[in-house]
Amino acid sequence: ATITSGGSTNYVDSVKGRFTISRDNAKNTVYLQMNSLKPED
């Protein structure tokens, strides 16, 4: 997954709908929320 300074995101097909990338500029932190995890993850 990628996230630009403008907030645009992209995901590999295998994680679309399950993973979410986000950023909190105030905390200088990027997150990856992973739901419905599979063994192949």
Full PDB file with SEQRES, HELIX, SHEET, SSBOND, CRYST1, ORIGX, SCALE, CONECT and MASTER records, all heavy atoms in Angstrom:
SEQRES   1 A   41  ALA THR ILE THR SER GLY GLY SER THR ASN TYR VAL ASP          
SEQRES   2 A   41  SER VAL LYS GLY ARG PHE THR ILE SER ARG ASP ASN ALA          
SEQRES   3 A   41  LYS ASN THR VAL TYR LEU GLN MET ASN SER LEU LYS PRO          
SEQRES   4 A   41  GLU ASP                                                      
HELIX    1 AA1 ASP A   13  VAL A   15  5                                   3    
HELIX    2 AA2 ASN A   25  LYS A   27  5                                   3    
SHEET    1 AA1 2 THR A   2  ILE A   3  0                                        
SHEET    2 AA1 2 THR A   9  ASN A  10 -1                                        
SHEET    1 AA2 2 PHE A  19  ASP A  24  0                                        
SHEET    2 AA2 2 THR A  29  MET A  34 -1                                        
CRYST1    1.000    1.000    1.000  90.00  90.00  90.00 P 1           1          
ORIGX1      1.000000  0.000000  0.000000        0.00000                         
ORIGX2      0.000000  1.000000  0.000000        0.00000                         
ORIGX3      0.000000  0.000000  1.000000        0.00000                         
SCALE1      1.000000  0.000000  0.000000        0.00000                         
SCALE2      0.000000  1.000000  0.000000        0.00000                         
SCALE3      0.000000  0.000000  1.000000        0.00000                         
ATOM      1  N   ALA A   1       0.833  -1.196   0.000  1.00  0.00           N  
ATOM      2  CA  ALA A   1       0.000   0.000   0.000  1.00  0.00           C  
ATOM      3  C   ALA A   1       0.864   1.241   0.000  1.00  0.00           C  
ATOM      4  O   ALA A   1       1.961   1.241   0.560  1.00  0.00           O  
ATOM      5  CB  ALA A   1      -0.926   0.015   1.218  1.00  0.00           C  
ATOM      6  N   THR A   2       0.376   2.299  -0.628  1.00  0.00           N  
ATOM      7  CA  THR A   2       1.071   3.580  -0.645  1.00  0.00           C  
ATOM      8  C   THR A   2       0.107   4.695  -0.271  1.00  0.00           C  
ATOM      9  O   THR A   2      -1.104   4.578  -0.472  1.00  0.00           O  
ATOM     10  CB  THR A   2       1.674   3.905  -2.022  1.00  0.00           C  
ATOM     11  OG1 THR A   2       0.627   4.005  -2.989  1.00  0.00           O  
ATOM     12  CG2 THR A   2       2.662   2.834  -2.454  1.00  0.00           C  
ATOM     13  N   ILE A   3       0.665   5.774   0.255  1.00  0.00           N  
ATOM     14  CA  ILE A   3      -0.115   6.976   0.515  1.00  0.00           C  
ATOM     15  C   ILE A   3       0.770   8.182   0.216  1.00  0.00           C  
ATOM     16  O   ILE A   3       1.907   8.257   0.669  1.00  0.00           O  
ATOM     17  CB  ILE A   3      -0.673   7.010   1.956  1.00  0.00           C  
ATOM     18  CG1 ILE A   3      -1.582   8.236   2.147  1.00  0.00           C  
ATOM     19  CG2 ILE A   3       0.447   6.966   2.993  1.00  0.00           C  
ATOM     20  CD1 ILE A   3      -2.435   8.145   3.405  1.00  0.00           C  
ATOM     21  N   THR A   4       0.261   9.106  -0.578  1.00  0.00           N  
ATOM     22  CA  THR A   4       1.012  10.294  -0.944  1.00  0.00           C  
ATOM     23  C   THR A   4       0.776  11.403   0.064  1.00  0.00           C  
ATOM     24  O   THR A   4      -0.089  11.316   0.937  1.00  0.00           O  
ATOM     25  CB  THR A   4       0.613  10.786  -2.339  1.00  0.00           C  
ATOM     26  OG1 THR A   4      -0.736  11.283  -2.298  1.00  0.00           O  
ATOM     27  CG2 THR A   4       0.710   9.665  -3.366  1.00  0.00           C  
ATOM     28  N   SER A   5       1.550  12.479  -0.076  1.00  0.00           N  
ATOM     29  CA  SER A   5       1.380  13.633   0.802  1.00  0.00           C  
ATOM     30  C   SER A   5      -0.002  14.248   0.645  1.00  0.00           C  
ATOM     31  O   SER A   5      -0.499  14.897   1.567  1.00  0.00           O  
ATOM     32  CB  SER A   5       2.452  14.678   0.519  1.00  0.00           C  
ATOM     33  OG  SER A   5       2.408  15.106  -0.830  1.00  0.00           O  
ATOM     34  N   GLY A   6      -0.618  14.038  -0.514  1.00  0.00           N  
ATOM     35  CA  GLY A   6      -1.951  14.541  -0.755  1.00  0.00           C  
ATOM     36  C   GLY A   6      -3.061  13.619  -0.294  1.00  0.00           C  
ATOM     37  O   GLY A   6      -4.240  13.966  -0.416  1.00  0.00           O  
ATOM     38  N   GLY A   7      -2.702  12.437   0.213  1.00  0.00           N  
ATOM     39  CA  GLY A   7      -3.690  11.515   0.739  1.00  0.00           C  
ATOM     40  C   GLY A   7      -4.174  10.463  -0.231  1.00  0.00           C  
ATOM     41  O   GLY A   7      -5.044   9.658   0.119  1.00  0.00           O  
ATOM     42  N   SER A   8      -3.631  10.445  -1.436  1.00  0.00           N  
ATOM     43  CA  SER A   8      -4.022   9.429  -2.403  1.00  0.00           C  
ATOM     44  C   SER A   8      -3.438   8.077  -2.005  1.00  0.00           C  
ATOM     45  O   SER A   8      -2.275   7.988  -1.619  1.00  0.00           O  
ATOM     46  CB  SER A   8      -3.541   9.825  -3.792  1.00  0.00           C  
ATOM     47  OG  SER A   8      -3.873   8.842  -4.746  1.00  0.00           O  
ATOM     48  N   THR A   9      -4.240   7.015  -2.116  1.00  0.00           N  
ATOM     49  CA  THR A   9      -3.803   5.681  -1.705  1.00  0.00           C  
ATOM     50  C   THR A   9      -3.890   4.690  -2.848  1.00  0.00           C  
ATOM     51  O   THR A   9      -4.700   4.839  -3.770  1.00  0.00           O  
ATOM     52  CB  THR A   9      -4.633   5.157  -0.530  1.00  0.00           C  
ATOM     53  OG1 THR A   9      -6.015   5.090  -0.909  1.00  0.00           O  
ATOM     54  CG2 THR A   9      -4.494   6.067   0.682  1.00  0.00           C  
ATOM     55  N   ASN A  10      -3.051   3.654  -2.774  1.00  0.00           N  
ATOM     56  CA  ASN A  10      -3.084   2.536  -3.699  1.00  0.00           C  
ATOM     57  C   ASN A  10      -2.802   1.260  -2.931  1.00  0.00           C  
ATOM     58  O   ASN A  10      -2.069   1.270  -1.939  1.00  0.00           O  
ATOM     59  CB  ASN A  10      -2.052   2.702  -4.820  1.00  0.00           C  
ATOM     60  CG  ASN A  10      -2.562   3.529  -5.969  1.00  0.00           C  
ATOM     61  OD1 ASN A  10      -3.593   3.223  -6.553  1.00  0.00           O  
ATOM     62  ND2 ASN A  10      -1.839   4.586  -6.302  1.00  0.00           N  
ATOM     63  N   TYR A  11      -3.383   0.147  -3.415  1.00  0.00           N  
ATOM     64  CA  TYR A  11      -3.232  -1.140  -2.760  1.00  0.00           C  
ATOM     65  C   TYR A  11      -2.991  -2.230  -3.785  1.00  0.00           C  
ATOM     66  O   TYR A  11      -3.517  -2.182  -4.901  1.00  0.00           O  
ATOM     67  CB  TYR A  11      -4.485  -1.511  -1.960  1.00  0.00           C  
ATOM     68  CG  TYR A  11      -4.856  -0.519  -0.896  1.00  0.00           C  
ATOM     69  CD1 TYR A  11      -5.712   0.539  -1.185  1.00  0.00           C  
ATOM     70  CD2 TYR A  11      -4.367  -0.646   0.398  1.00  0.00           C  
ATOM     71  CE1 TYR A  11      -6.058   1.459  -0.206  1.00  0.00           C  
ATOM     72  CE2 TYR A  11      -4.716   0.271   1.379  1.00  0.00           C  
ATOM     73  CZ  TYR A  11      -5.561   1.312   1.070  1.00  0.00           C  
ATOM     74  OH  TYR A  11      -5.900   2.218   2.050  1.00  0.00           O  
ATOM     75  N   VAL A  12      -2.222  -3.235  -3.380  1.00  0.00           N  
ATOM     76  CA  VAL A  12      -2.103  -4.417  -4.201  1.00  0.00           C  
ATOM     77  C   VAL A  12      -3.459  -5.138  -4.181  1.00  0.00           C  
ATOM     78  O   VAL A  12      -4.190  -5.086  -3.186  1.00  0.00           O  
ATOM     79  CB  VAL A  12      -0.970  -5.331  -3.691  1.00  0.00           C  
ATOM     80  CG1 VAL A  12      -1.301  -5.919  -2.332  1.00  0.00           C  
ATOM     81  CG2 VAL A  12      -0.643  -6.411  -4.698  1.00  0.00           C  
ATOM     82  N   ASP A  13      -3.807  -5.779  -5.291  1.00  0.00           N  
ATOM     83  CA  ASP A  13      -5.133  -6.367  -5.426  1.00  0.00           C  
ATOM     84  C   ASP A  13      -5.481  -7.334  -4.293  1.00  0.00           C  
ATOM     85  O   ASP A  13      -6.637  -7.400  -3.856  1.00  0.00           O  
ATOM     86  CB  ASP A  13      -5.253  -7.092  -6.768  1.00  0.00           C  
ATOM     87  CG  ASP A  13      -5.381  -6.138  -7.940  1.00  0.00           C  
ATOM     88  OD1 ASP A  13      -5.655  -4.946  -7.715  1.00  0.00           O  
ATOM     89  OD2 ASP A  13      -5.206  -6.596  -9.083  1.00  0.00           O  
ATOM     90  N   SER A  14      -4.510  -8.076  -3.816  1.00  0.00           N  
ATOM     91  CA  SER A  14      -4.775  -9.109  -2.835  1.00  0.00           C  
ATOM     92  C   SER A  14      -5.231  -8.575  -1.478  1.00  0.00           C  
ATOM     93  O   SER A  14      -5.764  -9.337  -0.665  1.00  0.00           O  
ATOM     94  CB  SER A  14      -3.540  -9.994  -2.644  1.00  0.00           C  
ATOM     95  OG  SER A  14      -2.438  -9.236  -2.181  1.00  0.00           O  
ATOM     96  N   VAL A  15      -5.041  -7.283  -1.207  1.00  0.00           N  
ATOM     97  CA  VAL A  15      -5.435  -6.728   0.088  1.00  0.00           C  
ATOM     98  C   VAL A  15      -6.547  -5.691  -0.021  1.00  0.00           C  
ATOM     99  O   VAL A  15      -7.017  -5.188   1.008  1.00  0.00           O  
ATOM    100  CB  VAL A  15      -4.240  -6.110   0.843  1.00  0.00           C  
ATOM    101  CG1 VAL A  15      -3.083  -7.094   0.912  1.00  0.00           C  
ATOM    102  CG2 VAL A  15      -3.799  -4.792   0.204  1.00  0.00           C  
ATOM    103  N   LYS A  16      -6.983  -5.380  -1.220  1.00  0.00           N  
ATOM    104  CA  LYS A  16      -8.034  -4.389  -1.400  1.00  0.00           C  
ATOM    105  C   LYS A  16      -9.302  -4.805  -0.664  1.00  0.00           C  
ATOM    106  O   LYS A  16      -9.733  -5.947  -0.741  1.00  0.00           O  
ATOM    107  CB  LYS A  16      -8.334  -4.183  -2.885  1.00  0.00           C  
ATOM    108  CG  LYS A  16      -7.252  -3.420  -3.623  1.00  0.00           C  
ATOM    109  CD  LYS A  16      -7.605  -3.227  -5.096  1.00  0.00           C  
ATOM    110  CE  LYS A  16      -6.529  -2.427  -5.809  1.00  0.00           C  
ATOM    111  NZ  LYS A  16      -6.816  -2.287  -7.259  1.00  0.00           N  
ATOM    112  N   GLY A  17      -9.871  -3.861   0.054  1.00  0.00           N  
ATOM    113  CA  GLY A  17     -11.065  -4.136   0.830  1.00  0.00           C  
ATOM    114  C   GLY A  17     -10.789  -4.669   2.213  1.00  0.00           C  
ATOM    115  O   GLY A  17     -11.711  -4.742   3.037  1.00  0.00           O  
ATOM    116  N   ARG A  18      -9.551  -5.049   2.487  1.00  0.00           N  
ATOM    117  CA  ARG A  18      -9.182  -5.590   3.790  1.00  0.00           C  
ATOM    118  C   ARG A  18      -8.197  -4.706   4.545  1.00  0.00           C  
ATOM    119  O   ARG A  18      -8.267  -4.607   5.767  1.00  0.00           O  
ATOM    120  CB  ARG A  18      -8.580  -6.987   3.646  1.00  0.00           C  
ATOM    121  CG  ARG A  18      -9.510  -7.999   2.992  1.00  0.00           C  
ATOM    122  CD  ARG A  18      -8.938  -9.411   3.061  1.00  0.00           C  
ATOM    123  NE  ARG A  18      -7.685  -9.536   2.331  1.00  0.00           N  
ATOM    124  CZ  ARG A  18      -6.524  -9.881   2.890  1.00  0.00           C  
ATOM    125  NH1 ARG A  18      -6.460 -10.133   4.195  1.00  0.00           N  
ATOM    126  NH2 ARG A  18      -5.426  -9.990   2.144  1.00  0.00           N  
ATOM    127  N   PHE A  19      -7.269  -4.069   3.824  1.00  0.00           N  
ATOM    128  CA  PHE A  19      -6.241  -3.236   4.444  1.00  0.00           C  
ATOM    129  C   PHE A  19      -6.517  -1.767   4.167  1.00  0.00           C  
ATOM    130  O   PHE A  19      -7.030  -1.410   3.099  1.00  0.00           O  
ATOM    131  CB  PHE A  19      -4.855  -3.567   3.889  1.00  0.00           C  
ATOM    132  CG  PHE A  19      -4.295  -4.912   4.288  1.00  0.00           C  
ATOM    133  CD1 PHE A  19      -5.080  -5.868   4.907  1.00  0.00           C  
ATOM    134  CD2 PHE A  19      -2.963  -5.200   4.029  1.00  0.00           C  
ATOM    135  CE1 PHE A  19      -4.559  -7.102   5.262  1.00  0.00           C  
ATOM    136  CE2 PHE A  19      -2.424  -6.428   4.381  1.00  0.00           C  
ATOM    137  CZ  PHE A  19      -3.219  -7.380   4.995  1.00  0.00           C  
ATOM    138  N   THR A  20      -6.137  -0.907   5.105  1.00  0.00           N  
ATOM    139  CA  THR A  20      -6.266   0.529   4.936  1.00  0.00           C  
ATOM    140  C   THR A  20      -4.998   1.217   5.415  1.00  0.00           C  
ATOM    141  O   THR A  20      -4.592   1.030   6.562  1.00  0.00           O  
ATOM    142  CB  THR A  20      -7.464   1.089   5.713  1.00  0.00           C  
ATOM    143  OG1 THR A  20      -8.670   0.438   5.294  1.00  0.00           O  
ATOM    144  CG2 THR A  20      -7.605   2.593   5.457  1.00  0.00           C  
ATOM    145  N   ILE A  21      -4.373   2.006   4.544  1.00  0.00           N  
ATOM    146  CA  ILE A  21      -3.214   2.797   4.925  1.00  0.00           C  
ATOM    147  C   ILE A  21      -3.677   4.212   5.242  1.00  0.00           C  
ATOM    148  O   ILE A  21      -4.555   4.760   4.575  1.00  0.00           O  
ATOM    149  CB  ILE A  21      -2.135   2.796   3.819  1.00  0.00           C  
ATOM    150  CG1 ILE A  21      -0.854   3.490   4.309  1.00  0.00           C  
ATOM    151  CG2 ILE A  21      -2.648   3.432   2.539  1.00  0.00           C  
ATOM    152  CD1 ILE A  21       0.322   3.344   3.343  1.00  0.00           C  
ATOM    153  N   SER A  22      -3.095   4.801   6.278  1.00  0.00           N  
ATOM    154  CA  SER A  22      -3.436   6.161   6.662  1.00  0.00           C  
ATOM    155  C   SER A  22      -2.212   6.831   7.266  1.00  0.00           C  
ATOM    156  O   SER A  22      -1.227   6.170   7.600  1.00  0.00           O  
ATOM    157  CB  SER A  22      -4.607   6.183   7.651  1.00  0.00           C  
ATOM    158  OG  SER A  22      -4.278   5.505   8.844  1.00  0.00           O  
ATOM    159  N   ARG A  23      -2.276   8.143   7.389  1.00  0.00           N  
ATOM    160  CA  ARG A  23      -1.165   8.873   7.990  1.00  0.00           C  
ATOM    161  C   ARG A  23      -1.694   9.946   8.920  1.00  0.00           C  
ATOM    162  O   ARG A  23      -2.744  10.547   8.675  1.00  0.00           O  
ATOM    163  CB  ARG A  23      -0.255   9.477   6.910  1.00  0.00           C  
ATOM    164  CG  ARG A  23      -0.939  10.496   5.998  1.00  0.00           C  
ATOM    165  CD  ARG A  23      -0.103  10.782   4.747  1.00  0.00           C  
ATOM    166  NE  ARG A  23       1.183  11.382   5.060  1.00  0.00           N  
ATOM    167  CZ  ARG A  23       2.195  11.492   4.202  1.00  0.00           C  
ATOM    168  NH1 ARG A  23       2.058  11.012   2.959  1.00  0.00           N  
ATOM    169  NH2 ARG A  23       3.327  12.061   4.567  1.00  0.00           N  
ATOM    170  N   ASP A  24      -0.959  10.187   9.996  1.00  0.00           N  
ATOM    171  CA  ASP A  24      -1.260  11.245  10.948  1.00  0.00           C  
ATOM    172  C   ASP A  24      -0.041  12.147  10.974  1.00  0.00           C  
ATOM    173  O   ASP A  24       0.952  11.855  11.638  1.00  0.00           O  
ATOM    174  CB  ASP A  24      -1.557  10.668  12.329  1.00  0.00           C  
ATOM    175  CG  ASP A  24      -2.019  11.723  13.316  1.00  0.00           C  
ATOM    176  OD1 ASP A  24      -1.698  12.913  13.135  1.00  0.00           O  
ATOM    177  OD2 ASP A  24      -2.718  11.354  14.285  1.00  0.00           O  
ATOM    178  N   ASN A  25      -0.107  13.240  10.236  1.00  0.00           N  
ATOM    179  CA  ASN A  25       1.050  14.126  10.117  1.00  0.00           C  
ATOM    180  C   ASN A  25       1.450  14.737  11.456  1.00  0.00           C  
ATOM    181  O   ASN A  25       2.633  14.960  11.712  1.00  0.00           O  
ATOM    182  CB  ASN A  25       0.765  15.231   9.103  1.00  0.00           C  
ATOM    183  CG  ASN A  25       0.676  14.717   7.684  1.00  0.00           C  
ATOM    184  OD1 ASN A  25       1.207  13.656   7.364  1.00  0.00           O  
ATOM    185  ND2 ASN A  25       0.015  15.466   6.821  1.00  0.00           N  
ATOM    186  N   ALA A  26       0.478  15.020  12.310  1.00  0.00           N  
ATOM    187  CA  ALA A  26       0.773  15.615  13.608  1.00  0.00           C  
ATOM    188  C   ALA A  26       1.600  14.679  14.478  1.00  0.00           C  
ATOM    189  O   ALA A  26       2.384  15.128  15.316  1.00  0.00           O  
ATOM    190  CB  ALA A  26      -0.516  15.999  14.323  1.00  0.00           C  
ATOM    191  N   LYS A  27       1.414  13.375  14.303  1.00  0.00           N  
ATOM    192  CA  LYS A  27       2.148  12.383  15.083  1.00  0.00           C  
ATOM    193  C   LYS A  27       3.310  11.767  14.312  1.00  0.00           C  
ATOM    194  O   LYS A  27       3.991  10.885  14.835  1.00  0.00           O  
ATOM    195  CB  LYS A  27       1.205  11.277  15.551  1.00  0.00           C  
ATOM    196  CG  LYS A  27       0.125  11.755  16.502  1.00  0.00           C  
ATOM    197  CD  LYS A  27      -0.760  10.605  16.950  1.00  0.00           C  
ATOM    198  CE  LYS A  27      -1.810  11.077  17.944  1.00  0.00           C  
ATOM    199  NZ  LYS A  27      -2.685   9.973  18.388  1.00  0.00           N  
ATOM    200  N   ASN A  28       3.527  12.214  13.079  1.00  0.00           N  
ATOM    201  CA  ASN A  28       4.590  11.675  12.229  1.00  0.00           C  
ATOM    202  C   ASN A  28       4.516  10.153  12.143  1.00  0.00           C  
ATOM    203  O   ASN A  28       5.535   9.460  12.241  1.00  0.00           O  
ATOM    204  CB  ASN A  28       5.968  12.113  12.731  1.00  0.00           C  
ATOM    205  CG  ASN A  28       6.189  13.600  12.607  1.00  0.00           C  
ATOM    206  OD1 ASN A  28       5.686  14.244  11.683  1.00  0.00           O  
ATOM    207  ND2 ASN A  28       6.950  14.162  13.539  1.00  0.00           N  
ATOM    208  N   THR A  29       3.315   9.657  11.938  1.00  0.00           N  
ATOM    209  CA  THR A  29       3.083   8.224  11.974  1.00  0.00           C  
ATOM    210  C   THR A  29       2.202   7.788  10.809  1.00  0.00           C  
ATOM    211  O   THR A  29       1.240   8.474  10.456  1.00  0.00           O  
ATOM    212  CB  THR A  29       2.430   7.802  13.301  1.00  0.00           C  
ATOM    213  OG1 THR A  29       3.283   8.183  14.386  1.00  0.00           O  
ATOM    214  CG2 THR A  29       2.215   6.304  13.351  1.00  0.00           C  
ATOM    215  N   VAL A  30       2.558   6.648  10.230  1.00  0.00           N  
ATOM    216  CA  VAL A  30       1.762   6.004   9.192  1.00  0.00           C  
ATOM    217  C   VAL A  30       1.244   4.688   9.741  1.00  0.00           C  
ATOM    218  O   VAL A  30       1.958   3.986  10.463  1.00  0.00           O  
ATOM    219  CB  VAL A  30       2.597   5.767   7.923  1.00  0.00           C  
ATOM    220  CG1 VAL A  30       1.778   5.036   6.863  1.00  0.00           C  
ATOM    221  CG2 VAL A  30       3.091   7.100   7.372  1.00  0.00           C  
ATOM    222  N   TYR A  31       0.015   4.354   9.405  1.00  0.00           N  
ATOM    223  CA  TYR A  31      -0.615   3.143   9.910  1.00  0.00           C  
ATOM    224  C   TYR A  31      -1.024   2.223   8.773  1.00  0.00           C  
ATOM    225  O   TYR A  31      -1.272   2.660   7.651  1.00  0.00           O  
ATOM    226  CB  TYR A  31      -1.871   3.481  10.726  1.00  0.00           C  
ATOM    227  CG  TYR A  31      -1.632   4.416  11.872  1.00  0.00           C  
ATOM    228  CD1 TYR A  31      -1.850   5.783  11.735  1.00  0.00           C  
ATOM    229  CD2 TYR A  31      -1.197   3.941  13.106  1.00  0.00           C  
ATOM    230  CE1 TYR A  31      -1.634   6.653  12.787  1.00  0.00           C  
ATOM    231  CE2 TYR A  31      -0.978   4.800  14.163  1.00  0.00           C  
ATOM    232  CZ  TYR A  31      -1.199   6.156  14.000  1.00  0.00           C  
ATOM    233  OH  TYR A  31      -0.985   7.014  15.057  1.00  0.00           O  
ATOM    234  N   LEU A  32      -1.094   0.946   9.091  1.00  0.00           N  
ATOM    235  CA  LEU A  32      -1.689  -0.022   8.188  1.00  0.00           C  
ATOM    236  C   LEU A  32      -2.666  -0.861   8.998  1.00  0.00           C  
ATOM    237  O   LEU A  32      -2.254  -1.699   9.804  1.00  0.00           O  
ATOM    238  CB  LEU A  32      -0.635  -0.922   7.535  1.00  0.00           C  
ATOM    239  CG  LEU A  32      -1.175  -1.895   6.485  1.00  0.00           C  
ATOM    240  CD1 LEU A  32      -1.679  -1.130   5.261  1.00  0.00           C  
ATOM    241  CD2 LEU A  32      -0.112  -2.909   6.075  1.00  0.00           C  
ATOM    242  N   GLN A  33      -3.951  -0.604   8.809  1.00  0.00           N  
ATOM    243  CA  GLN A  33      -4.992  -1.385   9.460  1.00  0.00           C  
ATOM    244  C   GLN A  33      -5.266  -2.616   8.608  1.00  0.00           C  
ATOM    245  O   GLN A  33      -5.605  -2.493   7.432  1.00  0.00           O  
ATOM    246  CB  GLN A  33      -6.267  -0.565   9.620  1.00  0.00           C  
ATOM    247  CG  GLN A  33      -7.423  -1.315  10.263  1.00  0.00           C  
ATOM    248  CD  GLN A  33      -7.158  -1.686  11.703  1.00  0.00           C  
ATOM    249  OE1 GLN A  33      -6.685  -0.844  12.476  1.00  0.00           O  
ATOM    250  NE2 GLN A  33      -7.429  -2.920  12.078  1.00  0.00           N  
ATOM    251  N   MET A  34      -5.115  -3.788   9.194  1.00  0.00           N  
ATOM    252  CA  MET A  34      -5.268  -5.036   8.476  1.00  0.00           C  
ATOM    253  C   MET A  34      -6.425  -5.819   9.088  1.00  0.00           C  
ATOM    254  O   MET A  34      -6.357  -6.232  10.243  1.00  0.00           O  
ATOM    255  CB  MET A  34      -3.979  -5.858   8.521  1.00  0.00           C  
ATOM    256  CG  MET A  34      -2.750  -5.100   8.031  1.00  0.00           C  
ATOM    257  SD  MET A  34      -1.260  -6.132   7.963  1.00  0.00           S  
ATOM    258  CE  MET A  34      -1.038  -6.471   9.711  1.00  0.00           C  
ATOM    259  N   ASN A  35      -7.469  -6.017   8.310  1.00  0.00           N  
ATOM    260  CA  ASN A  35      -8.643  -6.763   8.741  1.00  0.00           C  
ATOM    261  C   ASN A  35      -8.791  -8.034   7.915  1.00  0.00           C  
ATOM    262  O   ASN A  35      -8.218  -8.159   6.837  1.00  0.00           O  
ATOM    263  CB  ASN A  35      -9.904  -5.906   8.606  1.00  0.00           C  
ATOM    264  CG  ASN A  35      -9.877  -4.659   9.449  1.00  0.00           C  
ATOM    265  OD1 ASN A  35      -9.339  -4.657  10.557  1.00  0.00           O  
ATOM    266  ND2 ASN A  35     -10.475  -3.586   8.943  1.00  0.00           N  
ATOM    267  N   SER A  36      -9.588  -8.952   8.420  1.00  0.00           N  
ATOM    268  CA  SER A  36      -9.856 -10.212   7.724  1.00  0.00           C  
ATOM    269  C   SER A  36      -8.563 -10.873   7.268  1.00  0.00           C  
ATOM    270  O   SER A  36      -8.419 -11.297   6.121  1.00  0.00           O  
ATOM    271  CB  SER A  36     -10.783  -9.969   6.528  1.00  0.00           C  
ATOM    272  OG  SER A  36     -12.004  -9.392   6.943  1.00  0.00           O  
ATOM    273  N   LEU A  37      -7.624 -10.978   8.172  1.00  0.00           N  
ATOM    274  CA  LEU A  37      -6.305 -11.498   7.828  1.00  0.00           C  
ATOM    275  C   LEU A  37      -6.366 -12.958   7.410  1.00  0.00           C  
ATOM    276  O   LEU A  37      -7.164 -13.740   7.927  1.00  0.00           O  
ATOM    277  CB  LEU A  37      -5.351 -11.323   9.001  1.00  0.00           C  
ATOM    278  CG  LEU A  37      -4.821  -9.896   9.169  1.00  0.00           C  
ATOM    279  CD1 LEU A  37      -4.259  -9.688  10.570  1.00  0.00           C  
ATOM    280  CD2 LEU A  37      -3.751  -9.606   8.117  1.00  0.00           C  
ATOM    281  N   LYS A  38      -5.506 -13.295   6.461  1.00  0.00           N  
ATOM    282  CA  LYS A  38      -5.400 -14.640   5.918  1.00  0.00           C  
ATOM    283  C   LYS A  38      -3.997 -15.170   6.141  1.00  0.00           C  
ATOM    284  O   LYS A  38      -3.050 -14.395   6.261  1.00  0.00           O  
ATOM    285  CB  LYS A  38      -5.697 -14.630   4.416  1.00  0.00           C  
ATOM    286  CG  LYS A  38      -7.036 -14.026   4.032  1.00  0.00           C  
ATOM    287  CD  LYS A  38      -7.172 -13.935   2.520  1.00  0.00           C  
ATOM    288  CE  LYS A  38      -8.496 -13.330   2.122  1.00  0.00           C  
ATOM    289  NZ  LYS A  38      -8.631 -13.220   0.641  1.00  0.00           N  
ATOM    290  N   PRO A  39      -3.828 -16.490   6.185  1.00  0.00           N  
ATOM    291  CA  PRO A  39      -2.479 -17.046   6.350  1.00  0.00           C  
ATOM    292  C   PRO A  39      -1.495 -16.541   5.300  1.00  0.00           C  
ATOM    293  O   PRO A  39      -0.310 -16.365   5.605  1.00  0.00           O  
ATOM    294  CB  PRO A  39      -2.707 -18.556   6.224  1.00  0.00           C  
ATOM    295  CG  PRO A  39      -4.092 -18.753   6.734  1.00  0.00           C  
ATOM    296  CD  PRO A  39      -4.856 -17.548   6.242  1.00  0.00           C  
ATOM    297  N   GLU A  40      -1.957 -16.283   4.089  1.00  0.00           N  
ATOM    298  CA  GLU A  40      -1.072 -15.792   3.044  1.00  0.00           C  
ATOM    299  C   GLU A  40      -0.603 -14.361   3.271  1.00  0.00           C  
ATOM    300  O   GLU A  40       0.256 -13.867   2.536  1.00  0.00           O  
ATOM    301  CB  GLU A  40      -1.727 -15.923   1.661  1.00  0.00           C  
ATOM    302  CG  GLU A  40      -3.126 -15.352   1.584  1.00  0.00           C  
ATOM    303  CD  GLU A  40      -4.207 -16.412   1.741  1.00  0.00           C  
ATOM    304  OE1 GLU A  40      -4.087 -17.260   2.656  1.00  0.00           O  
ATOM    305  OE2 GLU A  40      -5.164 -16.406   0.944  1.00  0.00           O  
ATOM    306  N   ASP A  41      -1.153 -13.678   4.273  1.00  0.00           N  
ATOM    307  CA  ASP A  41      -0.667 -12.358   4.652  1.00  0.00           C  
ATOM    308  C   ASP A  41       0.575 -12.437   5.534  1.00  0.00           C  
ATOM    309  O   ASP A  41       1.183 -11.400   5.829  1.00  0.00           O  
ATOM    310  CB  ASP A  41      -1.746 -11.571   5.394  1.00  0.00           C  
ATOM    311  CG  ASP A  41      -2.945 -11.253   4.521  1.00  0.00           C  
ATOM    312  OD1 ASP A  41      -2.759 -10.891   3.344  1.00  0.00           O  
ATOM    313  OD2 ASP A  41      -4.076 -11.356   5.028  1.00  0.00           O  
TER     314      ASP A  41                                                      
MASTER        0    0    0    2    4    0    0    6  313    1    0    4          
END                                                                             
